[in-house]
């Protein structure tokens, strides 16, 4: 099964958690260590630029509207993701717990929909 691990963090909390060069190096090293730990389980992974760089698209009455954003009433922002191939949710949760941001943020784990004909 495929699972998406969505990585959320509060930029202020993340900055406080990594407030020295040593802590920042250890944090980044933790992400590099995931490459080895995940191995073939990792199908894809990317970090996102800050939410201030985002743009939103909405189509209303057939016309696209573009805006800066998103502007949600939340302190945590989506910062990246891992697409994982796991046997089940328990394995996916175990791998998500290895993500360094989980120590001060949130990692949401969601199964990917199986749209194949064999699975209805």
C-alpha atoms as a PDB file:
ATOM      1  CA  UNK A   1       0.000   0.000   0.000  1.00  0.00           C
ATOM      2  CA  UNK A   2       1.071   3.551  -0.590  1.00  0.00           C
ATOM      3  CA  UNK A   3       0.938   6.173   2.147  1.00  0.00           C
ATOM      4  CA  UNK A   4       1.617   9.899   2.122  1.00  0.00           C
ATOM      5  CA  UNK A   5       3.371  11.323   5.177  1.00  0.00           C
ATOM      6  CA  UNK A   6       2.581  15.049   5.227  1.00  0.00           C
ATOM      7  CA  UNK A   7       4.992  17.073   7.341  1.00  0.00           C
ATOM      8  CA  UNK A   8       3.583  20.081   9.202  1.00  0.00           C
ATOM      9  CA  UNK A   9       5.432  22.469  11.461  1.00  0.00           C
ATOM     10  CA  UNK A  10       5.131  25.870  13.027  1.00  0.00           C
ATOM     11  CA  UNK A  11       8.027  27.966  11.672  1.00  0.00           C
ATOM     12  CA  UNK A  12       8.472  29.636  15.079  1.00  0.00           C
ATOM     13  CA  UNK A  13       8.587  26.314  16.942  1.00  0.00           C
ATOM     14  CA  UNK A  14      10.945  24.859  14.339  1.00  0.00           C
ATOM     15  CA  UNK A  15      13.279  27.839  14.644  1.00  0.00           C
ATOM     16  CA  UNK A  16      13.278  27.498  18.434  1.00  0.00           C
ATOM     17  CA  UNK A  17      13.981  23.746  18.210  1.00  0.00           C
ATOM     18  CA  UNK A  18      16.941  24.376  15.878  1.00  0.00           C
ATOM     19  CA  UNK A  19      18.304  27.555  17.438  1.00  0.00           C
ATOM     20  CA  UNK A  20      22.006  26.659  17.282  1.00  0.00           C
ATOM     21  CA  UNK A  21      24.197  25.565  14.377  1.00  0.00           C
ATOM     22  CA  UNK A  22      24.717  22.212  16.119  1.00  0.00           C
ATOM     23  CA  UNK A  23      20.981  21.591  16.509  1.00  0.00           C
ATOM     24  CA  UNK A  24      20.364  22.637  12.898  1.00  0.00           C
ATOM     25  CA  UNK A  25      23.088  20.247  11.684  1.00  0.00           C
ATOM     26  CA  UNK A  26      21.641  17.383  13.736  1.00  0.00           C
ATOM     27  CA  UNK A  27      18.150  18.122  12.389  1.00  0.00           C
ATOM     28  CA  UNK A  28      19.341  18.035   8.775  1.00  0.00           C
ATOM     29  CA  UNK A  29      21.439  14.928   9.453  1.00  0.00           C
ATOM     30  CA  UNK A  30      18.266  13.259  10.710  1.00  0.00           C
ATOM     31  CA  UNK A  31      16.646  13.815   7.331  1.00  0.00           C
ATOM     32  CA  UNK A  32      19.676  12.430   5.496  1.00  0.00           C
ATOM     33  CA  UNK A  33      19.555   9.366   7.748  1.00  0.00           C
ATOM     34  CA  UNK A  34      16.007   8.718   6.518  1.00  0.00           C
ATOM     35  CA  UNK A  35      17.403   7.970   3.073  1.00  0.00           C
ATOM     36  CA  UNK A  36      19.123   4.898   4.486  1.00  0.00           C
ATOM     37  CA  UNK A  37      16.329   3.963   6.904  1.00  0.00           C
ATOM     38  CA  UNK A  38      13.579   4.181   4.289  1.00  0.00           C
ATOM     39  CA  UNK A  39      15.469   2.489   1.465  1.00  0.00           C
ATOM     40  CA  UNK A  40      13.050   1.204  -1.186  1.00  0.00           C
ATOM     41  CA  UNK A  41      10.079   2.145   1.020  1.00  0.00           C
ATOM     42  CA  UNK A  42      10.512   5.782  -0.095  1.00  0.00           C
ATOM     43  CA  UNK A  43       8.873   6.319  -3.472  1.00  0.00           C
ATOM     44  CA  UNK A  44       9.177  10.118  -3.457  1.00  0.00           C
ATOM     45  CA  UNK A  45       9.990  12.971  -1.088  1.00  0.00           C
ATOM     46  CA  UNK A  46      10.143  16.733  -1.404  1.00  0.00           C
ATOM     47  CA  UNK A  47      10.443  19.794   0.790  1.00  0.00           C
ATOM     48  CA  UNK A  48       8.255  22.786   0.014  1.00  0.00           C
ATOM     49  CA  UNK A  49       9.152  26.466  -0.039  1.00  0.00           C
ATOM     50  CA  UNK A  50       7.520  28.634   2.670  1.00  0.00           C
ATOM     51  CA  UNK A  51       3.766  29.214   2.496  1.00  0.00           C
ATOM     52  CA  UNK A  52       4.402  32.873   1.607  1.00  0.00           C
ATOM     53  CA  UNK A  53       5.517  31.704  -1.855  1.00  0.00           C
ATOM     54  CA  UNK A  54       2.256  29.830  -2.544  1.00  0.00           C
ATOM     55  CA  UNK A  55      -0.494  30.825  -4.925  1.00  0.00           C
ATOM     56  CA  UNK A  56      -4.060  29.472  -4.954  1.00  0.00           C
ATOM     57  CA  UNK A  57      -6.304  28.738  -7.913  1.00  0.00           C
ATOM     58  CA  UNK A  58     -10.078  28.617  -7.708  1.00  0.00           C
ATOM     59  CA  UNK A  59     -12.421  28.234 -10.644  1.00  0.00           C
ATOM     60  CA  UNK A  60     -15.799  29.927 -10.209  1.00  0.00           C
ATOM     61  CA  UNK A  61     -18.377  30.076 -12.980  1.00  0.00           C
ATOM     62  CA  UNK A  62     -15.761  28.668 -15.335  1.00  0.00           C
ATOM     63  CA  UNK A  63     -13.259  31.457 -14.669  1.00  0.00           C
ATOM     64  CA  UNK A  64      -9.950  30.886 -12.862  1.00  0.00           C
ATOM     65  CA  UNK A  65      -9.159  33.201  -9.975  1.00  0.00           C
ATOM     66  CA  UNK A  66      -5.629  33.422  -8.606  1.00  0.00           C
ATOM     67  CA  UNK A  67      -4.601  34.661  -5.178  1.00  0.00           C
ATOM     68  CA  UNK A  68      -1.719  34.637  -2.752  1.00  0.00           C
ATOM     69  CA  UNK A  69      -2.035  32.116  -0.025  1.00  0.00           C
ATOM     70  CA  UNK A  70      -3.233  29.925   1.426  1.00  0.00           C
ATOM     71  CA  UNK A  71      -4.252  31.921   4.448  1.00  0.00           C
ATOM     72  CA  UNK A  72      -5.563  29.472   6.999  1.00  0.00           C
ATOM     73  CA  UNK A  73      -6.099  30.058  10.691  1.00  0.00           C
ATOM     74  CA  UNK A  74      -3.342  27.669  11.686  1.00  0.00           C
ATOM     75  CA  UNK A  75       0.184  27.999  12.932  1.00  0.00           C
ATOM     76  CA  UNK A  76       1.388  24.731  11.400  1.00  0.00           C
ATOM     77  CA  UNK A  77       2.210  24.769   7.707  1.00  0.00           C
ATOM     78  CA  UNK A  78       2.747  21.964   5.220  1.00  0.00           C
ATOM     79  CA  UNK A  79       6.498  21.826   4.682  1.00  0.00           C
ATOM     80  CA  UNK A  80       7.031  18.620   2.733  1.00  0.00           C
ATOM     81  CA  UNK A  81       6.089  15.005   2.247  1.00  0.00           C
ATOM     82  CA  UNK A  82       7.225  11.419   1.843  1.00  0.00           C
ATOM     83  CA  UNK A  83       5.420   8.928  -0.380  1.00  0.00           C
ATOM     84  CA  UNK A  84       5.979   5.522   1.201  1.00  0.00           C
ATOM     85  CA  UNK A  85       5.290   1.950   0.111  1.00  0.00           C
ATOM     86  CA  UNK A  86       4.338   0.027   3.270  1.00  0.00           C
ATOM     87  CA  UNK A  87       2.614  -3.216   4.159  1.00  0.00           C
ATOM     88  CA  UNK A  88       0.041  -1.442   6.334  1.00  0.00           C
ATOM     89  CA  UNK A  89      -0.740   1.680   8.379  1.00  0.00           C
ATOM     90  CA  UNK A  90       1.300   0.438  11.342  1.00  0.00           C
ATOM     91  CA  UNK A  91       4.453   0.264   9.226  1.00  0.00           C
ATOM     92  CA  UNK A  92       3.707   3.685   7.709  1.00  0.00           C
ATOM     93  CA  UNK A  93       3.243   5.215  11.176  1.00  0.00           C
ATOM     94  CA  UNK A  94       6.512   3.666  12.358  1.00  0.00           C
ATOM     95  CA  UNK A  95       8.392   5.164   9.414  1.00  0.00           C
ATOM     96  CA  UNK A  96       6.676   8.534   9.851  1.00  0.00           C
ATOM     97  CA  UNK A  97       7.814   8.621  13.478  1.00  0.00           C
ATOM     98  CA  UNK A  98      11.418   8.704  12.192  1.00  0.00           C
ATOM     99  CA  UNK A  99      10.846  12.064  10.462  1.00  0.00           C
ATOM    100  CA  UNK A 100      12.790  14.671  12.490  1.00  0.00           C
ATOM    101  CA  UNK A 101       9.996  17.266  12.341  1.00  0.00           C
ATOM    102  CA  UNK A 102       7.734  14.884  14.288  1.00  0.00           C
ATOM    103  CA  UNK A 103       9.708  15.916  17.393  1.00  0.00           C
ATOM    104  CA  UNK A 104       8.251  19.456  17.286  1.00  0.00           C
ATOM    105  CA  UNK A 105       5.567  19.370  14.583  1.00  0.00           C
ATOM    106  CA  UNK A 106       3.035  16.924  13.168  1.00  0.00           C
ATOM    107  CA  UNK A 107       3.280  14.210  10.553  1.00  0.00           C
ATOM    108  CA  UNK A 108      -0.075  13.254   9.063  1.00  0.00           C
ATOM    109  CA  UNK A 109      -0.145   9.780   7.491  1.00  0.00           C
ATOM    110  CA  UNK A 110      -2.828   9.044   4.902  1.00  0.00           C
ATOM    111  CA  UNK A 111      -3.347   6.031   2.666  1.00  0.00           C
ATOM    112  CA  UNK A 112      -3.294   6.691  -1.074  1.00  0.00           C
ATOM    113  CA  UNK A 113      -6.537   5.718  -2.823  1.00  0.00           C
ATOM    114  CA  UNK A 114      -6.242   2.583  -4.906  1.00  0.00           C
ATOM    115  CA  UNK A 115      -8.099   3.345  -8.128  1.00  0.00           C
ATOM    116  CA  UNK A 116      -7.169   0.097  -9.848  1.00  0.00           C
ATOM    117  CA  UNK A 117     -10.008  -1.952 -11.333  1.00  0.00           C
ATOM    118  CA  UNK A 118      -9.066  -4.936  -9.170  1.00  0.00           C
ATOM    119  CA  UNK A 119      -9.967  -2.969  -6.035  1.00  0.00           C
ATOM    120  CA  UNK A 120     -13.311  -1.648  -7.183  1.00  0.00           C
END
